[in-house]
């Protein structure tokens, strides 16, 4: 199931307030606009500056924001499943091979723990 813009904002916002998130976005979008995008139904795509700012502030690739905007509008592509690489911070391409291996090991640990039968 694709992630909506509200879900993306909520999951990546962490403990930051909308004011703090807006500062991390570079001031665009404003705190009020972020809250609106996170909590209200959307009827159109945000402008490019808003998409770029959200990507910066949420620390994800712009394509993750675009995909979430599309999902919020009911536009689902053939490849609608969220891609982990799209949700990763934009600078992950600069990670060393050792750093990538460490991240993958952590992810694999989570996947393995989710596939174990529950203790009764």
PDB file of N, CA and C in Angstrom:
ATOM      1  N   UNK A   1       0.853  -1.190   0.000  1.00  0.00           N
ATOM      2  CA  UNK A   1       0.000   0.000   0.000  1.00  0.00           C
ATOM      3  C   UNK A   1       0.893   1.244   0.000  1.00  0.00           C
ATOM      4  N   UNK A   2       0.659   2.172  -0.904  1.00  0.00           N
ATOM      5  CA  UNK A   2       1.468   3.385  -0.959  1.00  0.00           C
ATOM      6  C   UNK A   2       1.261   4.259   0.272  1.00  0.00           C
ATOM      7  N   UNK A   3       2.295   4.995   0.624  1.00  0.00           N
ATOM      8  CA  UNK A   3       2.266   5.903   1.764  1.00  0.00           C
ATOM      9  C   UNK A   3       1.711   7.244   1.305  1.00  0.00           C
ATOM     10  N   UNK A   4       0.742   7.778   2.045  1.00  0.00           N
ATOM     11  CA  UNK A   4       0.203   9.098   1.703  1.00  0.00           C
ATOM     12  C   UNK A   4       1.132  10.185   2.228  1.00  0.00           C
ATOM     13  N   UNK A   5       0.896  11.406   1.784  1.00  0.00           N
ATOM     14  CA  UNK A   5       1.724  12.520   2.232  1.00  0.00           C
ATOM     15  C   UNK A   5       1.588  12.721   3.740  1.00  0.00           C
ATOM     16  N   UNK A   6       0.373  12.618   4.244  1.00  0.00           N
ATOM     17  CA  UNK A   6       0.178  12.758   5.687  1.00  0.00           C
ATOM     18  C   UNK A   6       0.941  11.702   6.459  1.00  0.00           C
ATOM     19  N   UNK A   7       0.916  10.464   5.971  1.00  0.00           N
ATOM     20  CA  UNK A   7       1.647   9.380   6.636  1.00  0.00           C
ATOM     21  C   UNK A   7       3.154   9.604   6.560  1.00  0.00           C
ATOM     22  N   UNK A   8       3.636  10.083   5.415  1.00  0.00           N
ATOM     23  CA  UNK A   8       5.064  10.353   5.259  1.00  0.00           C
ATOM     24  C   UNK A   8       5.508  11.445   6.228  1.00  0.00           C
ATOM     25  N   UNK A   9       4.739  12.519   6.293  1.00  0.00           N
ATOM     26  CA  UNK A   9       5.090  13.612   7.197  1.00  0.00           C
ATOM     27  C   UNK A   9       5.076  13.124   8.637  1.00  0.00           C
ATOM     28  N   UNK A  10       4.034  12.417   9.017  1.00  0.00           N
ATOM     29  CA  UNK A  10       3.922  11.933  10.391  1.00  0.00           C
ATOM     30  C   UNK A  10       5.066  10.996  10.746  1.00  0.00           C
ATOM     31  N   UNK A  11       5.403  10.088   9.847  1.00  0.00           N
ATOM     32  CA  UNK A  11       6.444   9.108  10.168  1.00  0.00           C
ATOM     33  C   UNK A  11       7.844   9.711  10.171  1.00  0.00           C
ATOM     34  N   UNK A  12       8.084  10.726   9.365  1.00  0.00           N
ATOM     35  CA  UNK A  12       9.425  11.322   9.285  1.00  0.00           C
ATOM     36  C   UNK A  12       9.598  12.555  10.164  1.00  0.00           C
ATOM     37  N   UNK A  13       8.519  13.094  10.659  1.00  0.00           N
ATOM     38  CA  UNK A  13       8.564  14.305  11.486  1.00  0.00           C
ATOM     39  C   UNK A  13       9.242  14.041  12.828  1.00  0.00           C
ATOM     40  N   UNK A  14       9.034  12.832  13.334  1.00  0.00           N
ATOM     41  CA  UNK A  14       9.607  12.517  14.636  1.00  0.00           C
ATOM     42  C   UNK A  14       8.984  13.374  15.713  1.00  0.00           C
ATOM     43  N   UNK A  15       9.797  13.836  16.624  1.00  0.00           N
ATOM     44  CA  UNK A  15       9.311  14.632  17.750  1.00  0.00           C
ATOM     45  C   UNK A  15       9.357  16.127  17.464  1.00  0.00           C
ATOM     46  N   UNK A  16       9.696  16.489  16.240  1.00  0.00           N
ATOM     47  CA  UNK A  16       9.768  17.911  15.886  1.00  0.00           C
ATOM     48  C   UNK A  16       8.382  18.518  15.798  1.00  0.00           C
ATOM     49  N   UNK A  17       8.280  19.776  16.172  1.00  0.00           N
ATOM     50  CA  UNK A  17       7.041  20.514  15.983  1.00  0.00           C
ATOM     51  C   UNK A  17       6.957  20.920  14.513  1.00  0.00           C
ATOM     52  N   UNK A  18       5.790  21.390  14.095  1.00  0.00           N
ATOM     53  CA  UNK A  18       5.675  21.871  12.719  1.00  0.00           C
ATOM     54  C   UNK A  18       6.588  23.074  12.492  1.00  0.00           C
ATOM     55  N   UNK A  19       6.795  23.913  13.512  1.00  0.00           N
ATOM     56  CA  UNK A  19       7.730  25.040  13.391  1.00  0.00           C
ATOM     57  C   UNK A  19       9.145  24.540  13.146  1.00  0.00           C
ATOM     58  N   UNK A  20       9.572  23.559  13.931  1.00  0.00           N
ATOM     59  CA  UNK A  20      10.916  23.011  13.763  1.00  0.00           C
ATOM     60  C   UNK A  20      11.067  22.339  12.399  1.00  0.00           C
ATOM     61  N   UNK A  21      10.058  21.591  11.993  1.00  0.00           N
ATOM     62  CA  UNK A  21      10.114  20.931  10.694  1.00  0.00           C
ATOM     63  C   UNK A  21      10.190  21.957   9.570  1.00  0.00           C
ATOM     64  N   UNK A  22       9.418  23.024   9.679  1.00  0.00           N
ATOM     65  CA  UNK A  22       9.456  24.067   8.660  1.00  0.00           C
ATOM     66  C   UNK A  22      10.847  24.692   8.565  1.00  0.00           C
ATOM     67  N   UNK A  23      11.494  24.919   9.698  1.00  0.00           N
ATOM     68  CA  UNK A  23      12.867  25.440   9.680  1.00  0.00           C
ATOM     69  C   UNK A  23      13.799  24.448   8.975  1.00  0.00           C
ATOM     70  N   UNK A  24      13.619  23.146   9.250  1.00  0.00           N
ATOM     71  CA  UNK A  24      14.442  22.129   8.601  1.00  0.00           C
ATOM     72  C   UNK A  24      14.171  22.055   7.102  1.00  0.00           C
ATOM     73  N   UNK A  25      12.979  22.486   6.696  1.00  0.00           N
ATOM     74  CA  UNK A  25      12.612  22.526   5.274  1.00  0.00           C
ATOM     75  C   UNK A  25      13.161  23.777   4.584  1.00  0.00           C
ATOM     76  N   UNK A  26      13.758  24.674   5.349  1.00  0.00           N
ATOM     77  CA  UNK A  26      14.249  25.927   4.784  1.00  0.00           C
ATOM     78  C   UNK A  26      13.186  27.006   4.761  1.00  0.00           C
ATOM     79  N   UNK A  27      12.116  26.818   5.519  1.00  0.00           N
ATOM     80  CA  UNK A  27      11.057  27.819   5.605  1.00  0.00           C
ATOM     81  C   UNK A  27       9.905  27.593   4.636  1.00  0.00           C
ATOM     82  N   UNK A  28      10.078  26.718   3.688  1.00  0.00           N
ATOM     83  CA  UNK A  28       9.017  26.379   2.737  1.00  0.00           C
ATOM     84  C   UNK A  28       8.856  24.873   2.749  1.00  0.00           C
ATOM     85  N   UNK A  29       7.694  24.418   3.109  1.00  0.00           N
ATOM     86  CA  UNK A  29       6.461  25.123   3.445  1.00  0.00           C
ATOM     87  C   UNK A  29       6.476  25.679   4.872  1.00  0.00           C
ATOM     88  N   UNK A  30       5.511  26.541   5.130  1.00  0.00           N
ATOM     89  CA  UNK A  30       5.353  27.135   6.451  1.00  0.00           C
ATOM     90  C   UNK A  30       4.825  26.078   7.428  1.00  0.00           C
ATOM     91  N   UNK A  31       4.934  26.333   8.719  1.00  0.00           N
ATOM     92  CA  UNK A  31       4.395  25.373   9.692  1.00  0.00           C
ATOM     93  C   UNK A  31       2.912  25.078   9.475  1.00  0.00           C
ATOM     94  N   UNK A  32       2.128  26.103   9.189  1.00  0.00           N
ATOM     95  CA  UNK A  32       0.697  25.901   8.960  1.00  0.00           C
ATOM     96  C   UNK A  32       0.417  25.061   7.730  1.00  0.00           C
ATOM     97  N   UNK A  33       1.218  25.269   6.688  1.00  0.00           N
ATOM     98  CA  UNK A  33       1.037  24.486   5.462  1.00  0.00           C
ATOM     99  C   UNK A  33       1.424  23.029   5.693  1.00  0.00           C
ATOM    100  N   UNK A  34       2.496  22.801   6.453  1.00  0.00           N
ATOM    101  CA  UNK A  34       2.893  21.418   6.756  1.00  0.00           C
ATOM    102  C   UNK A  34       1.785  20.720   7.531  1.00  0.00           C
ATOM    103  N   UNK A  35       1.224  21.408   8.524  1.00  0.00           N
ATOM    104  CA  UNK A  35       0.137  20.811   9.303  1.00  0.00           C
ATOM    105  C   UNK A  35      -1.050  20.490   8.396  1.00  0.00           C
ATOM    106  N   UNK A  36      -1.355  21.392   7.485  1.00  0.00           N
ATOM    107  CA  UNK A  36      -2.458  21.164   6.545  1.00  0.00           C
ATOM    108  C   UNK A  36      -2.170  19.943   5.659  1.00  0.00           C
ATOM    109  N   UNK A  37      -0.958  19.849   5.153  1.00  0.00           N
ATOM    110  CA  UNK A  37      -0.596  18.713   4.304  1.00  0.00           C
ATOM    111  C   UNK A  37      -0.629  17.402   5.078  1.00  0.00           C
ATOM    112  N   UNK A  38      -0.301  17.477   6.357  1.00  0.00           N
ATOM    113  CA  UNK A  38      -0.248  16.265   7.183  1.00  0.00           C
ATOM    114  C   UNK A  38      -1.620  15.803   7.645  1.00  0.00           C
ATOM    115  N   UNK A  39      -2.577  16.724   7.767  1.00  0.00           N
ATOM    116  CA  UNK A  39      -3.838  16.366   8.421  1.00  0.00           C
ATOM    117  C   UNK A  39      -5.090  16.515   7.563  1.00  0.00           C
ATOM    118  N   UNK A  40      -5.006  17.202   6.463  1.00  0.00           N
ATOM    119  CA  UNK A  40      -6.192  17.463   5.633  1.00  0.00           C
ATOM    120  C   UNK A  40      -6.127  16.685   4.327  1.00  0.00           C
ATOM    121  N   UNK A  41      -7.277  16.382   3.759  1.00  0.00           N
ATOM    122  CA  UNK A  41      -7.337  15.760   2.438  1.00  0.00           C
ATOM    123  C   UNK A  41      -6.806  16.745   1.407  1.00  0.00           C
ATOM    124  N   UNK A  42      -6.052  16.234   0.456  1.00  0.00           N
ATOM    125  CA  UNK A  42      -5.465  17.070  -0.586  1.00  0.00           C
ATOM    126  C   UNK A  42      -6.236  16.876  -1.888  1.00  0.00           C
ATOM    127  N   UNK A  43      -6.310  17.950  -2.693  1.00  0.00           N
ATOM    128  CA  UNK A  43      -6.993  17.825  -3.985  1.00  0.00           C
ATOM    129  C   UNK A  43      -6.094  18.205  -5.155  1.00  0.00           C
ATOM    130  N   UNK A  44      -4.812  18.504  -4.861  1.00  0.00           N
ATOM    131  CA  UNK A  44      -3.855  18.790  -5.932  1.00  0.00           C
ATOM    132  C   UNK A  44      -2.437  18.621  -5.403  1.00  0.00           C
ATOM    133  N   UNK A  45      -1.513  18.502  -6.330  1.00  0.00           N
ATOM    134  CA  UNK A  45      -0.105  18.384  -5.959  1.00  0.00           C
ATOM    135  C   UNK A  45       0.391  19.709  -5.377  1.00  0.00           C
ATOM    136  N   UNK A  46       1.261  19.646  -4.373  1.00  0.00           N
ATOM    137  CA  UNK A  46       1.907  20.882  -3.907  1.00  0.00           C
ATOM    138  C   UNK A  46       2.846  21.419  -4.985  1.00  0.00           C
ATOM    139  N   UNK A  47       3.213  22.678  -4.869  1.00  0.00           N
ATOM    140  CA  UNK A  47       4.132  23.277  -5.834  1.00  0.00           C
ATOM    141  C   UNK A  47       5.535  22.691  -5.654  1.00  0.00           C
ATOM    142  N   UNK A  48       6.394  22.836  -6.663  1.00  0.00           N
ATOM    143  CA  UNK A  48       7.742  22.248  -6.599  1.00  0.00           C
ATOM    144  C   UNK A  48       8.564  22.696  -5.391  1.00  0.00           C
ATOM    145  N   UNK A  49       8.465  23.971  -4.990  1.00  0.00           N
ATOM    146  CA  UNK A  49       9.223  24.438  -3.826  1.00  0.00           C
ATOM    147  C   UNK A  49       8.791  23.722  -2.557  1.00  0.00           C
ATOM    148  N   UNK A  50       7.502  23.446  -2.418  1.00  0.00           N
ATOM    149  CA  UNK A  50       6.984  22.721  -1.257  1.00  0.00           C
ATOM    150  C   UNK A  50       7.502  21.286  -1.265  1.00  0.00           C
ATOM    151  N   UNK A  51       7.479  20.652  -2.420  1.00  0.00           N
ATOM    152  CA  UNK A  51       7.973  19.278  -2.532  1.00  0.00           C
ATOM    153  C   UNK A  51       9.459  19.219  -2.176  1.00  0.00           C
ATOM    154  N   UNK A  52      10.236  20.138  -2.720  1.00  0.00           N
ATOM    155  CA  UNK A  52      11.673  20.182  -2.441  1.00  0.00           C
ATOM    156  C   UNK A  52      11.946  20.457  -0.970  1.00  0.00           C
ATOM    157  N   UNK A  53      11.207  21.404  -0.399  1.00  0.00           N
ATOM    158  CA  UNK A  53      11.384  21.731   1.021  1.00  0.00           C
ATOM    159  C   UNK A  53      11.028  20.561   1.917  1.00  0.00           C
ATOM    160  N   UNK A  54       9.914  19.897   1.611  1.00  0.00           N
ATOM    161  CA  UNK A  54       9.519  18.735   2.410  1.00  0.00           C
ATOM    162  C   UNK A  54      10.573  17.637   2.338  1.00  0.00           C
ATOM    163  N   UNK A  55      11.093  17.392   1.153  1.00  0.00           N
ATOM    164  CA  UNK A  55      12.130  16.364   1.015  1.00  0.00           C
ATOM    165  C   UNK A  55      13.331  16.702   1.895  1.00  0.00           C
ATOM    166  N   UNK A  56      13.737  17.955   1.883  1.00  0.00           N
ATOM    167  CA  UNK A  56      14.869  18.386   2.703  1.00  0.00           C
ATOM    168  C   UNK A  56      14.551  18.216   4.183  1.00  0.00           C
ATOM    169  N   UNK A  57      13.405  18.710   4.607  1.00  0.00           N
ATOM    170  CA  UNK A  57      13.049  18.672   6.025  1.00  0.00           C
ATOM    171  C   UNK A  57      12.752  17.279   6.543  1.00  0.00           C
ATOM    172  N   UNK A  58      12.144  16.443   5.693  1.00  0.00           N
ATOM    173  CA  UNK A  58      11.817  15.080   6.108  1.00  0.00           C
ATOM    174  C   UNK A  58      12.991  14.135   5.920  1.00  0.00           C
ATOM    175  N   UNK A  59      14.033  14.638   5.236  1.00  0.00           N
ATOM    176  CA  UNK A  59      15.258  13.876   4.993  1.00  0.00           C
ATOM    177  C   UNK A  59      14.999  12.636   4.128  1.00  0.00           C
ATOM    178  N   UNK A  60      14.216  12.844   3.078  1.00  0.00           N
ATOM    179  CA  UNK A  60      13.934  11.789   2.109  1.00  0.00           C
ATOM    180  C   UNK A  60      14.186  12.341   0.718  1.00  0.00           C
ATOM    181  N   UNK A  61      14.213  11.464  -0.261  1.00  0.00           N
ATOM    182  CA  UNK A  61      14.339  11.911  -1.649  1.00  0.00           C
ATOM    183  C   UNK A  61      13.042  12.585  -2.094  1.00  0.00           C
ATOM    184  N   UNK A  62      13.163  13.523  -3.010  1.00  0.00           N
ATOM    185  CA  UNK A  62      11.978  14.215  -3.529  1.00  0.00           C
ATOM    186  C   UNK A  62      11.000  13.230  -4.160  1.00  0.00           C
ATOM    187  N   UNK A  63      11.500  12.145  -4.729  1.00  0.00           N
ATOM    188  CA  UNK A  63      10.602  11.162  -5.340  1.00  0.00           C
ATOM    189  C   UNK A  63       9.684  10.526  -4.301  1.00  0.00           C
ATOM    190  N   UNK A  64      10.138  10.394  -3.059  1.00  0.00           N
ATOM    191  CA  UNK A  64       9.275   9.850  -1.998  1.00  0.00           C
ATOM    192  C   UNK A  64       8.127  10.804  -1.708  1.00  0.00           C
ATOM    193  N   UNK A  65       8.408  12.110  -1.741  1.00  0.00           N
ATOM    194  CA  UNK A  65       7.357  13.106  -1.514  1.00  0.00           C
ATOM    195  C   UNK A  65       6.379  13.106  -2.679  1.00  0.00           C
ATOM    196  N   UNK A  66       6.881  13.047  -3.899  1.00  0.00           N
ATOM    197  CA  UNK A  66       6.013  13.021  -5.083  1.00  0.00           C
ATOM    198  C   UNK A  66       5.115  11.786  -5.054  1.00  0.00           C
ATOM    199  N   UNK A  67       5.706  10.624  -4.744  1.00  0.00           N
ATOM    200  CA  UNK A  67       4.908   9.391  -4.665  1.00  0.00           C
ATOM    201  C   UNK A  67       3.829   9.505  -3.588  1.00  0.00           C
ATOM    202  N   UNK A  68       4.178  10.097  -2.440  1.00  0.00           N
ATOM    203  CA  UNK A  68       3.209  10.257  -1.353  1.00  0.00           C
ATOM    204  C   UNK A  68       2.101  11.232  -1.752  1.00  0.00           C
ATOM    205  N   UNK A  69       2.457  12.283  -2.469  1.00  0.00           N
ATOM    206  CA  UNK A  69       1.442  13.227  -2.966  1.00  0.00           C
ATOM    207  C   UNK A  69       0.481  12.503  -3.908  1.00  0.00           C
ATOM    208  N   UNK A  70       1.033  11.702  -4.819  1.00  0.00           N
ATOM    209  CA  UNK A  70       0.195  10.956  -5.756  1.00  0.00           C
ATOM    210  C   UNK A  70      -0.732  10.008  -5.010  1.00  0.00           C
ATOM    211  N   UNK A  71      -0.205   9.308  -4.015  1.00  0.00           N
ATOM    212  CA  UNK A  71      -1.035   8.376  -3.241  1.00  0.00           C
ATOM    213  C   UNK A  71      -2.150   9.118  -2.518  1.00  0.00           C
ATOM    214  N   UNK A  72      -1.872  10.316  -2.030  1.00  0.00           N
ATOM    215  CA  UNK A  72      -2.894  11.113  -1.345  1.00  0.00           C
ATOM    216  C   UNK A  72      -4.027  11.504  -2.274  1.00  0.00           C
ATOM    217  N   UNK A  73      -3.705  11.624  -3.550  1.00  0.00           N
ATOM    218  CA  UNK A  73      -4.709  11.999  -4.554  1.00  0.00           C
ATOM    219  C   UNK A  73      -5.358  10.789  -5.211  1.00  0.00           C
ATOM    220  N   UNK A  74      -4.971   9.594  -4.769  1.00  0.00           N
ATOM    221  CA  UNK A  74      -5.542   8.380  -5.340  1.00  0.00           C
ATOM    222  C   UNK A  74      -4.899   7.955  -6.640  1.00  0.00           C
ATOM    223  N   UNK A  75      -3.748   8.532  -6.948  1.00  0.00           N
ATOM    224  CA  UNK A  75      -3.018   8.162  -8.154  1.00  0.00           C
ATOM    225  C   UNK A  75      -1.994   7.118  -7.746  1.00  0.00           C
ATOM    226  N   UNK A  76      -2.181   5.907  -8.230  1.00  0.00           N
ATOM    227  CA  UNK A  76      -1.291   4.818  -7.849  1.00  0.00           C
ATOM    228  C   UNK A  76      -0.602   4.300  -9.098  1.00  0.00           C
ATOM    229  N   UNK A  77       0.722   4.310  -9.087  1.00  0.00           N
ATOM    230  CA  UNK A  77       1.465   3.815 -10.241  1.00  0.00           C
ATOM    231  C   UNK A  77       1.530   2.295 -10.209  1.00  0.00           C
ATOM    232  N   UNK A  78       2.007   1.712 -11.304  1.00  0.00           N
ATOM    233  CA  UNK A  78       2.161   0.264 -11.354  1.00  0.00           C
ATOM    234  C   UNK A  78       3.068  -0.216 -10.237  1.00  0.00           C
ATOM    235  N   UNK A  79       4.086   0.559  -9.944  1.00  0.00           N
ATOM    236  CA  UNK A  79       5.056   0.208  -8.917  1.00  0.00           C
ATOM    237  C   UNK A  79       4.761   1.046  -7.679  1.00  0.00           C
ATOM    238  N   UNK A  80       3.631   0.778  -7.036  1.00  0.00           N
ATOM    239  CA  UNK A  80       3.168   1.618  -5.936  1.00  0.00           C
ATOM    240  C   UNK A  80       3.750   1.250  -4.589  1.00  0.00           C
ATOM    241  N   UNK A  81       4.454   0.125  -4.505  1.00  0.00           N
ATOM    242  CA  UNK A  81       5.004  -0.248  -3.208  1.00  0.00           C
ATOM    243  C   UNK A  81       6.115   0.719  -2.829  1.00  0.00           C
ATOM    244  N   UNK A  82       6.170   1.122  -1.546  1.00  0.00           N
ATOM    245  CA  UNK A  82       7.216   2.063  -1.154  1.00  0.00           C
ATOM    246  C   UNK A  82       8.589   1.415  -1.295  1.00  0.00           C
ATOM    247  N   UNK A  83       9.493   2.119  -1.879  1.00  0.00           N
ATOM    248  CA  UNK A  83      10.853   1.627  -2.041  1.00  0.00           C
ATOM    249  C   UNK A  83      11.693   2.192  -0.902  1.00  0.00           C
ATOM    250  N   UNK A  84      12.372   1.313  -0.216  1.00  0.00           N
ATOM    251  CA  UNK A  84      13.198   1.745   0.901  1.00  0.00           C
ATOM    252  C   UNK A  84      14.209   2.786   0.459  1.00  0.00           C
ATOM    253  N   UNK A  85      14.758   2.614  -0.735  1.00  0.00           N
ATOM    254  CA  UNK A  85      15.763   3.558  -1.197  1.00  0.00           C
ATOM    255  C   UNK A  85      15.182   4.953  -1.405  1.00  0.00           C
ATOM    256  N   UNK A  86      13.907   5.047  -1.726  1.00  0.00           N
ATOM    257  CA  UNK A  86      13.282   6.359  -1.898  1.00  0.00           C
ATOM    258  C   UNK A  86      13.029   7.041  -0.568  1.00  0.00           C
ATOM    259  N   UNK A  87      12.912   6.265   0.497  1.00  0.00           N
ATOM    260  CA  UNK A  87      12.666   6.830   1.815  1.00  0.00           C
ATOM    261  C   UNK A  87      13.960   7.152   2.552  1.00  0.00           C
ATOM    262  N   UNK A  88      15.076   6.757   1.991  1.00  0.00           N
ATOM    263  CA  UNK A  88      16.365   7.036   2.605  1.00  0.00           C
ATOM    264  C   UNK A  88      16.738   8.497   2.365  1.00  0.00           C
ATOM    265  N   UNK A  89      17.541   9.080   3.258  1.00  0.00           N
ATOM    266  CA  UNK A  89      17.989  10.456   3.038  1.00  0.00           C
ATOM    267  C   UNK A  89      18.705  10.591   1.698  1.00  0.00           C
ATOM    268  N   UNK A  90      18.594  11.757   1.123  1.00  0.00           N
ATOM    269  CA  UNK A  90      19.140  11.987  -0.214  1.00  0.00           C
ATOM    270  C   UNK A  90      20.647  11.760  -0.277  1.00  0.00           C
ATOM    271  N   UNK A  91      21.358  11.978   0.804  1.00  0.00           N
ATOM    272  CA  UNK A  91      22.814  11.865   0.798  1.00  0.00           C
ATOM    273  C   UNK A  91      23.323  10.448   1.013  1.00  0.00           C
ATOM    274  N   UNK A  92      22.450   9.450   1.040  1.00  0.00           N
ATOM    275  CA  UNK A  92      22.907   8.080   1.287  1.00  0.00           C
ATOM    276  C   UNK A  92      23.825   7.572   0.187  1.00  0.00           C
ATOM    277  N   UNK A  93      23.800   8.170  -0.972  1.00  0.00           N
ATOM    278  CA  UNK A  93      24.703   7.743  -2.045  1.00  0.00           C
ATOM    279  C   UNK A  93      26.161   7.980  -1.661  1.00  0.00           C
ATOM    280  N   UNK A  94      26.399   8.853  -0.694  1.00  0.00           N
ATOM    281  CA  UNK A  94      27.762   9.158  -0.269  1.00  0.00           C
ATOM    282  C   UNK A  94      28.287   8.195   0.795  1.00  0.00           C
ATOM    283  N   UNK A  95      27.465   7.246   1.240  1.00  0.00           N
ATOM    284  CA  UNK A  95      27.910   6.294   2.253  1.00  0.00           C
ATOM    285  C   UNK A  95      28.982   5.365   1.690  1.00  0.00           C
ATOM    286  N   UNK A  96      29.901   4.967   2.545  1.00  0.00           N
ATOM    287  CA  UNK A  96      30.924   4.003   2.133  1.00  0.00           C
ATOM    288  C   UNK A  96      30.295   2.612   2.053  1.00  0.00           C
ATOM    289  N   UNK A  97      30.998   1.684   1.431  1.00  0.00           N
ATOM    290  CA  UNK A  97      30.503   0.305   1.363  1.00  0.00           C
ATOM    291  C   UNK A  97      30.319  -0.274   2.762  1.00  0.00           C
ATOM    292  N   UNK A  98      31.213   0.036   3.665  1.00  0.00           N
ATOM    293  CA  UNK A  98      31.097  -0.451   5.039  1.00  0.00           C
ATOM    294  C   UNK A  98      29.862   0.104   5.742  1.00  0.00           C
ATOM    295  N   UNK A  99      29.571   1.367   5.510  1.00  0.00           N
ATOM    296  CA  UNK A  99      28.385   1.988   6.113  1.00  0.00           C
ATOM    297  C   UNK A  99      27.111   1.373   5.533  1.00  0.00           C
ATOM    298  N   UNK A 100      27.102   1.154   4.224  1.00  0.00           N
ATOM    299  CA  UNK A 100      25.940   0.519   3.590  1.00  0.00           C
ATOM    300  C   UNK A 100      25.734  -0.879   4.162  1.00  0.00           C
ATOM    301  N   UNK A 101      26.808  -1.623   4.324  1.00  0.00           N
ATOM    302  CA  UNK A 101      26.706  -2.971   4.893  1.00  0.00           C
ATOM    303  C   UNK A 101      26.144  -2.931   6.307  1.00  0.00           C
ATOM    304  N   UNK A 102      26.554  -1.949   7.095  1.00  0.00           N
ATOM    305  CA  UNK A 102      26.059  -1.833   8.469  1.00  0.00           C
ATOM    306  C   UNK A 102      24.562  -1.527   8.482  1.00  0.00           C
ATOM    307  N   UNK A 103      24.122  -0.626   7.616  1.00  0.00           N
ATOM    308  CA  UNK A 103      22.699  -0.291   7.539  1.00  0.00           C
ATOM    309  C   UNK A 103      21.900  -1.513   7.097  1.00  0.00           C
ATOM    310  N   UNK A 104      22.390  -2.211   6.097  1.00  0.00           N
ATOM    311  CA  UNK A 104      21.699  -3.409   5.618  1.00  0.00           C
ATOM    312  C   UNK A 104      21.621  -4.486   6.698  1.00  0.00           C
ATOM    313  N   UNK A 105      22.659  -4.603   7.516  1.00  0.00           N
ATOM    314  CA  UNK A 105      22.639  -5.588   8.603  1.00  0.00           C
ATOM    315  C   UNK A 105      21.570  -5.239   9.631  1.00  0.00           C
ATOM    316  N   UNK A 106      21.423  -3.962   9.936  1.00  0.00           N
ATOM    317  CA  UNK A 106      20.380  -3.531  10.880  1.00  0.00           C
ATOM    318  C   UNK A 106      19.001  -3.826  10.300  1.00  0.00           C
ATOM    319  N   UNK A 107      18.793  -3.498   9.045  1.00  0.00           N
ATOM    320  CA  UNK A 107      17.500  -3.752   8.399  1.00  0.00           C
ATOM    321  C   UNK A 107      17.204  -5.248   8.388  1.00  0.00           C
ATOM    322  N   UNK A 108      18.208  -6.052   8.057  1.00  0.00           N
ATOM    323  CA  UNK A 108      18.004  -7.499   8.023  1.00  0.00           C
ATOM    324  C   UNK A 108      17.625  -8.026   9.403  1.00  0.00           C
ATOM    325  N   UNK A 109      18.205  -7.469  10.449  1.00  0.00           N
ATOM    326  CA  UNK A 109      17.855  -7.874  11.815  1.00  0.00           C
ATOM    327  C   UNK A 109      16.388  -7.594  12.093  1.00  0.00           C
ATOM    328  N   UNK A 110      15.903  -6.432  11.679  1.00  0.00           N
ATOM    329  CA  UNK A 110      14.482  -6.110  11.865  1.00  0.00           C
ATOM    330  C   UNK A 110      13.593  -7.045  11.060  1.00  0.00           C
ATOM    331  N   UNK A 111      13.973  -7.314   9.817  1.00  0.00           N
ATOM    332  CA  UNK A 111      13.181  -8.213   8.975  1.00  0.00           C
ATOM    333  C   UNK A 111      13.145  -9.605   9.599  1.00  0.00           C
ATOM    334  N   UNK A 112      14.296 -10.087  10.030  1.00  0.00           N
ATOM    335  CA  UNK A 112      14.358 -11.415  10.649  1.00  0.00           C
ATOM    336  C   UNK A 112      13.503 -11.477  11.908  1.00  0.00           C
ATOM    337  N   UNK A 113      13.542 -10.433  12.728  1.00  0.00           N
ATOM    338  CA  UNK A 113      12.767 -10.451  13.974  1.00  0.00           C
ATOM    339  C   UNK A 113      11.268 -10.382  13.703  1.00  0.00           C
ATOM    340  N   UNK A 114      10.866  -9.763  12.609  1.00  0.00           N
ATOM    341  CA  UNK A 114       9.443  -9.704  12.259  1.00  0.00           C
ATOM    342  C   UNK A 114       8.943 -11.013  11.671  1.00  0.00           C
ATOM    343  N   UNK A 115       9.856 -11.842  11.190  1.00  0.00           N
ATOM    344  CA  UNK A 115       9.459 -13.117  10.590  1.00  0.00           C
ATOM    345  C   UNK A 115       9.512 -14.277  11.567  1.00  0.00           C
ATOM    346  N   UNK A 116       9.898 -14.002  12.806  1.00  0.00           N
ATOM    347  CA  UNK A 116       9.906 -15.068  13.826  1.00  0.00           C
ATOM    348  C   UNK A 116       8.525 -15.231  14.411  1.00  0.00           C
ATOM    349  N   UNK A 117       8.155 -16.478  14.748  1.00  0.00           N
ATOM    350  CA  UNK A 117       6.847 -16.672  15.402  1.00  0.00           C
ATOM    351  C   UNK A 117       6.841 -15.979  16.762  1.00  0.00           C
ATOM    352  N   UNK A 118       5.691 -15.447  17.109  1.00  0.00           N
ATOM    353  CA  UNK A 118       5.534 -14.775  18.402  1.00  0.00           C
ATOM    354  C   UNK A 118       5.695 -15.784  19.531  1.00  0.00           C
ATOM    355  N   UNK A 119       6.316 -15.326  20.610  1.00  0.00           N
ATOM    356  CA  UNK A 119       6.403 -16.187  21.805  1.00  0.00           C
ATOM    357  C   UNK A 119       5.027 -16.318  22.414  1.00  0.00           C
ATOM    358  N   UNK A 120       4.676 -17.521  22.799  1.00  0.00           N
ATOM    359  CA  UNK A 120       3.358 -17.746  23.389  1.00  0.00           C
ATOM    360  C   UNK A 120       3.434 -17.778  24.883  1.00  0.00           C
TER     361      UNK A 120
END
